Amino acid sequence: MQVFGSISTREAFNDLGVTRLASRIHDLKEQGIAISGKMETTKNRYGESVSYKRYRLAGKTLNDTFMCDKM
């Protein structure tokens, strides 16, 4: 999330091999890290609407993330 600004379950699995993102997010929240989530909707390969949650560090925008990396 610090590098790309946000993460979804599919991205966690494809990029990091994490199969239970919601559990990892819960663990991070238990450690005091502020994380927000927003439901998003898209179409799957069959044209059906599907919803999923995208997580990001609370209070951070994509631009904030890139600015921190450049400092």
Protein backbone atom coordinates (compact mmCIF):
# COMPACT_ATOMS: atom_id res chain seq x y z
CA MET A 1 0.00 0.00 0.00
CA GLN A 2 2.90 2.34 0.65
CA VAL A 3 4.30 1.77 -2.83
CA PHE A 4 1.16 1.54 -4.99
CA GLY A 5 -1.33 3.47 -2.84
CA SER A 6 -3.93 0.71 -2.50
CA ILE A 7 -4.50 -3.02 -2.80
CA SER A 8 -7.35 -5.40 -3.61
CA THR A 9 -7.69 -9.11 -2.89
CA ARG A 10 -6.81 -10.03 -6.47
CA GLU A 11 -3.71 -7.80 -6.48
CA ALA A 12 -2.62 -9.24 -3.12
CA PHE A 13 -2.85 -12.77 -4.50
CA ASN A 14 -1.29 -12.08 -7.91
CA ASP A 15 1.53 -9.81 -6.72
CA LEU A 16 2.25 -11.04 -3.20
CA GLY A 17 0.79 -14.53 -2.90
CA VAL A 18 -1.47 -13.38 -0.05
CA THR A 19 -4.68 -15.43 -0.09
CA ARG A 20 -6.43 -13.91 2.95
CA LEU A 21 -6.02 -10.15 2.53
CA ALA A 22 -8.89 -9.27 4.90
CA SER A 23 -7.14 -11.23 7.68
CA ARG A 24 -3.84 -9.45 7.05
CA ILE A 25 -5.64 -6.08 7.06
CA HIS A 26 -7.24 -7.04 10.38
CA ASP A 27 -3.80 -7.93 11.79
CA LEU A 28 -2.40 -4.55 10.70
CA LYS A 29 -5.35 -2.71 12.25
CA GLU A 30 -4.77 -4.62 15.51
CA GLN A 31 -1.21 -3.23 15.46
CA GLY A 32 -2.61 0.30 15.26
CA ILE A 33 -2.17 0.98 11.54
CA ALA A 34 -5.04 3.06 10.18
CA ILE A 35 -6.40 1.44 7.02
CA SER A 36 -9.57 2.39 5.17
CA GLY A 37 -11.50 0.31 2.68
CA LYS A 38 -13.92 1.16 -0.09
CA MET A 39 -16.18 -1.18 -2.04
CA GLU A 40 -15.69 -1.09 -5.80
CA THR A 41 -17.68 -2.71 -8.59
CA THR A 42 -16.50 -3.96 -11.97
CA LYS A 43 -17.45 -6.55 -14.57
CA ASN A 44 -15.99 -10.05 -14.58
CA ARG A 45 -15.02 -11.99 -17.70
CA TYR A 46 -18.65 -13.07 -18.13
CA GLY A 47 -19.95 -9.50 -18.06
CA GLU A 48 -21.47 -9.88 -14.60
CA SER A 49 -21.11 -7.15 -11.98
CA VAL A 50 -18.85 -8.11 -9.09
CA SER A 51 -17.90 -6.13 -5.97
CA TYR A 52 -14.69 -6.17 -3.99
CA LYS A 53 -12.97 -4.04 -1.37
CA ARG A 54 -9.92 -1.88 -2.08
CA TYR A 55 -7.76 -1.01 0.94
CA ARG A 56 -5.46 1.98 1.43
CA LEU A 57 -3.65 3.61 4.30
CA ALA A 58 -6.14 5.94 5.97
CA GLY A 59 -5.60 9.60 5.15
CA LYS A 60 -3.27 8.84 2.22
CA THR A 61 -3.93 9.60 -1.40
CA LEU A 62 -2.04 8.19 -4.36
CA ASN A 63 -0.12 11.48 -4.74
CA ASP A 64 0.87 11.44 -1.04
CA THR A 65 2.32 7.97 -1.51
CA PHE A 66 4.48 8.95 -4.48
CA MET A 67 5.65 12.15 -2.76
CA CYS A 68 6.83 10.14 0.28
CA ASP A 69 8.82 7.77 -1.96
CA LYS A 70 10.67 10.67 -3.60
CA MET A 71 11.82 12.27 -0.35
